[in-house]
Structures are given as C-alpha cells and as structure tokens.
C-alpha cells in the first residue's frame, strides 16, 4: 500500500469506510479513529484530507446521494414512454426496498442529520431536485414531486414491514398519482 501523498485512493477509501461504518453501526459510532482503521490509513490522513468530521460526512453523503441519483437515472433513463416510466418507478420502489439494506440505512441516517442541521437539509434538497429531474422527463413537475415522495414512502414501508406489500399495490399507487398527470411536452 502506498504511503503519504502518493496514495491516490486514500481519500476514496476514507469516504467508503465512512459510509460503511455509518451503515453498519450508525452515525453516533463514527469517529476519525474508527474510519482510519476501517480504511487502512494512518489517523493523520483524516486531517490531511478533511478539515473535520462535518466536511467528511457531507462529502460522504454527497457521494451516497450521487449513487442514488444514478440508480434513478439507470431505471428511468431506459423508459421510452410514460407506461415504461410507471413500470420503472415500480421497479425502483421494489429494488430500493429489497436490494440494499446499506442504502436504506444511509438514507435514514442522512434524513436524521437533515432534520437537525441545515447543511444536510441543503444536501437532501439537492438530492430530491436531482431525482425529480429524472421523473420530470416523463411526468409534469407536480406529479414528479408526488412520485418522488411515493417512492420514498413505499420503499421505507416495504423495507421495514414484516409482510411487505406486493407489486400490485405499488403499481396501483403509481397509477393513481399519474392518472391526473398533465403531461410533459413531448411525452405521450
């Protein structure tokens, strides 16, 4: 392993270790020492790369939100029409609630920070805006906002329920919201 400034992956390992620790143990248990140990870097690297815990957390959560926006893009970007977009939204709800416990926990940890601290609220606001951009390719802005909230709510309910609802309920909820959709220019 390279040492000092010649290790180009050190910063990335620190960010990855931060998100992994938050997902596994919660934000309250995250410390510079634990992150450095997890990332396999000297403790001094933490202050070299980040001026404190807050900038480290903001960048790590920024990376996480980039990942979720990419998931939205991958699902919705392939949709050629509104019906395919509706199916993509259903797929998104079910994949987000079934595939990655890590993503679910990180989302909730970020929301908790955002509820308390304006800097994280700005991060979640930007994340929601970017997610809605993908939805607005297929639905008007009001409908996209409603779908964004529906995705969050149904994902959380499915992930935490002892008996998660099935795809039929998800599809019906999406249909109810998008039935009043006023349309997006150029989208049938």
Protein backbone atom coordinates (compact mmCIF):
# COMPACT_ATOMS: atom_id res chain seq x y z
CA UNK A 1 0.00 0.00 0.00
CA UNK A 2 1.32 3.44 -0.89
CA UNK A 3 2.01 5.90 1.87
CA UNK A 4 1.69 9.64 2.24
CA UNK A 5 0.54 11.75 -0.63
CA UNK A 6 1.40 9.08 -3.22
CA UNK A 7 -1.69 7.02 -2.39
CA UNK A 8 -4.32 8.30 -4.84
CA UNK A 9 -7.05 6.02 -3.46
CA UNK A 10 -6.68 7.05 0.18
CA UNK A 11 -9.38 9.74 0.08
CA UNK A 12 -11.77 7.34 -1.66
CA UNK A 13 -11.12 4.62 0.92
CA UNK A 14 -11.83 7.10 3.72
CA UNK A 15 -15.16 8.07 2.15
CA UNK A 16 -16.12 4.44 1.54
CA UNK A 17 -15.15 3.47 5.10
CA UNK A 18 -17.21 6.36 6.46
CA UNK A 19 -20.34 5.24 4.63
CA UNK A 20 -19.75 1.59 5.55
CA UNK A 21 -19.40 2.42 9.25
CA UNK A 22 -22.48 4.63 9.24
CA UNK A 23 -24.49 1.88 7.55
CA UNK A 24 -23.25 -0.82 9.92
CA UNK A 25 -23.17 0.98 13.25
CA UNK A 26 -24.90 4.35 12.92
CA UNK A 27 -23.53 7.83 12.73
CA UNK A 28 -23.17 8.13 16.51
CA UNK A 29 -20.42 5.47 16.48
CA UNK A 30 -18.38 7.04 13.69
CA UNK A 31 -15.07 8.61 14.67
CA UNK A 32 -11.87 9.61 12.90
CA UNK A 33 -10.03 6.73 14.54
CA UNK A 34 -12.62 4.12 13.56
CA UNK A 35 -12.79 5.42 9.99
CA UNK A 36 -8.98 5.43 9.66
CA UNK A 37 -8.79 1.87 10.97
CA UNK A 38 -11.56 0.71 8.63
CA UNK A 39 -9.96 2.46 5.64
CA UNK A 40 -6.49 1.12 6.48
CA UNK A 41 -4.95 4.60 6.60
CA UNK A 42 -2.93 6.44 9.25
CA UNK A 43 -5.04 8.55 11.59
CA UNK A 44 -3.19 11.67 10.38
CA UNK A 45 -4.64 11.11 6.91
CA UNK A 46 -8.02 12.07 8.23
CA UNK A 47 -6.99 15.66 8.96
CA UNK A 48 -4.89 15.84 5.82
CA UNK A 49 -7.88 15.05 3.60
CA UNK A 50 -10.71 16.54 5.68
CA UNK A 51 -10.70 19.56 7.98
CA UNK A 52 -13.10 17.86 10.38
CA UNK A 53 -15.87 15.32 10.75
CA UNK A 54 -18.57 17.56 9.28
CA UNK A 55 -16.84 18.10 5.89
CA UNK A 56 -16.09 14.37 5.77
CA UNK A 57 -19.72 13.46 6.44
CA UNK A 58 -21.04 15.98 3.93
CA UNK A 59 -18.75 14.66 1.20
CA UNK A 60 -19.50 11.04 2.05
CA UNK A 61 -23.25 11.66 1.99
CA UNK A 62 -22.82 13.66 -1.22
CA UNK A 63 -21.23 10.59 -2.76
CA UNK A 64 -24.10 8.47 -1.47
CA UNK A 65 -26.74 10.77 -2.99
CA UNK A 66 -24.85 10.66 -6.30
CA UNK A 67 -25.19 6.88 -6.16
CA UNK A 68 -28.96 7.00 -5.56
CA UNK A 69 -29.46 9.56 -8.35
CA UNK A 70 -27.54 7.20 -10.65
CA UNK A 71 -29.95 4.41 -9.66
CA UNK A 72 -32.87 6.69 -10.59
CA UNK A 73 -31.18 7.50 -13.89
CA UNK A 74 -30.50 3.85 -14.69
CA UNK A 75 -34.13 2.87 -14.05
CA UNK A 76 -35.89 5.88 -15.58
CA UNK A 77 -33.40 6.64 -18.34
CA UNK A 78 -34.32 3.49 -20.23
CA UNK A 79 -38.05 4.28 -20.23
CA UNK A 80 -39.22 5.28 -23.70
CA UNK A 81 -42.76 6.33 -22.77
CA UNK A 82 -44.97 7.07 -19.77
CA UNK A 83 -46.08 3.44 -19.31
CA UNK A 84 -42.47 2.29 -19.22
CA UNK A 85 -41.71 5.12 -16.79
CA UNK A 86 -44.51 3.92 -14.49
CA UNK A 87 -43.07 0.40 -14.59
CA UNK A 88 -39.60 1.84 -13.91
CA UNK A 89 -40.91 3.67 -10.84
CA UNK A 90 -42.40 0.41 -9.55
CA UNK A 91 -39.10 -1.36 -10.22
CA UNK A 92 -37.31 1.42 -8.35
CA UNK A 93 -39.50 1.06 -5.25
CA UNK A 94 -39.01 -2.68 -5.16
CA UNK A 95 -35.30 -2.68 -5.87
CA UNK A 96 -34.58 0.07 -3.31
CA UNK A 97 -36.56 -1.79 -0.65
CA UNK A 98 -35.15 -5.25 -1.36
CA UNK A 99 -31.60 -4.97 -2.61
CA UNK A 100 -29.53 -2.79 -0.32
CA UNK A 101 -30.04 -2.52 3.42
CA UNK A 102 -26.96 -0.29 3.34
CA UNK A 103 -28.68 2.27 1.12
CA UNK A 104 -31.81 2.21 3.25
CA UNK A 105 -29.86 2.84 6.47
CA UNK A 106 -27.73 5.57 4.88
CA UNK A 107 -30.87 7.29 3.61
CA UNK A 108 -32.40 7.34 7.08
CA UNK A 109 -29.16 8.49 8.72
CA UNK A 110 -28.95 11.36 6.22
CA UNK A 111 -32.58 12.31 6.80
CA UNK A 112 -31.96 12.40 10.55
CA UNK A 113 -28.99 14.73 10.06
CA UNK A 114 -31.03 16.88 7.67
CA UNK A 115 -33.81 17.21 10.22
CA UNK A 116 -31.31 18.73 12.65
CA UNK A 117 -28.74 20.56 10.53
CA UNK A 118 -29.34 22.98 7.63
CA UNK A 119 -26.21 21.92 5.70
CA UNK A 120 -27.56 18.40 5.39
CA UNK A 121 -31.03 19.73 4.59
CA UNK A 122 -29.44 21.50 1.61
CA UNK A 123 -27.86 18.20 0.58
CA UNK A 124 -31.19 16.35 0.74
CA UNK A 125 -32.94 19.21 -1.07
CA UNK A 126 -30.44 18.95 -3.92
CA UNK A 127 -30.77 15.16 -3.93
CA UNK A 128 -34.57 15.42 -4.25
CA UNK A 129 -34.24 18.01 -7.00
CA UNK A 130 -31.87 15.78 -8.96
CA UNK A 131 -34.14 12.75 -8.52
CA UNK A 132 -37.14 14.71 -9.75
CA UNK A 133 -35.22 15.74 -12.88
CA UNK A 134 -35.34 12.09 -13.94
CA UNK A 135 -39.03 11.81 -13.12
CA UNK A 136 -39.81 15.05 -14.96
CA UNK A 137 -38.57 13.51 -18.19
CA UNK A 138 -41.83 11.54 -18.11
CA UNK A 139 -44.21 13.44 -15.81
CA UNK A 140 -45.14 17.04 -15.09
CA UNK A 141 -43.32 18.67 -12.11
CA UNK A 142 -46.20 18.27 -9.62
CA UNK A 143 -46.62 14.61 -10.49
CA UNK A 144 -42.86 14.10 -10.30
CA UNK A 145 -42.83 15.60 -6.79
CA UNK A 146 -45.66 13.28 -5.73
CA UNK A 147 -43.94 10.26 -7.25
CA UNK A 148 -40.67 11.16 -5.53
CA UNK A 149 -42.46 11.18 -2.16
CA UNK A 150 -44.30 7.98 -3.04
CA UNK A 151 -41.03 6.24 -3.91
CA UNK A 152 -39.53 7.24 -0.55
CA UNK A 153 -42.60 6.22 1.43
CA UNK A 154 -43.32 2.92 -0.28
CA UNK A 155 -39.64 1.97 -0.21
CA UNK A 156 -39.44 2.57 3.52
CA UNK A 157 -42.73 0.78 4.21
CA UNK A 158 -41.71 -2.24 2.13
CA UNK A 159 -38.25 -2.42 3.69
CA UNK A 160 -39.49 -2.25 7.28
CA UNK A 161 -42.76 -4.18 7.07
CA UNK A 162 -42.95 -7.71 8.44
CA UNK A 163 -45.05 -8.53 5.41
CA UNK A 164 -44.10 -6.09 2.64
CA UNK A 165 -46.81 -5.12 0.19
CA UNK A 166 -46.65 -6.60 -3.28
CA UNK A 167 -46.02 -5.04 -6.65
CA UNK A 168 -49.76 -4.72 -7.35
CA UNK A 169 -50.17 -2.13 -4.58
CA UNK A 170 -47.13 -0.21 -5.85
CA UNK A 171 -48.43 -0.21 -9.43
CA UNK A 172 -51.88 0.92 -8.28
CA UNK A 173 -50.44 3.79 -6.21
CA UNK A 174 -48.33 4.95 -9.16
CA UNK A 175 -51.35 4.76 -11.47
CA UNK A 176 -53.45 6.84 -9.07
CA UNK A 177 -50.85 9.59 -8.92
CA UNK A 178 -50.08 9.62 -12.63
CA UNK A 179 -53.69 9.44 -13.84
CA UNK A 180 -54.09 13.17 -13.22
CA UNK A 181 -50.69 13.94 -14.75
CA UNK A 182 -50.98 16.90 -17.10
CA UNK A 183 -48.20 15.54 -19.25
CA UNK A 184 -44.74 16.65 -20.12
CA UNK A 185 -44.05 18.22 -23.50
CA UNK A 186 -43.01 15.60 -26.00
CA UNK A 187 -44.17 12.67 -23.85
CA UNK A 188 -47.25 10.66 -24.87
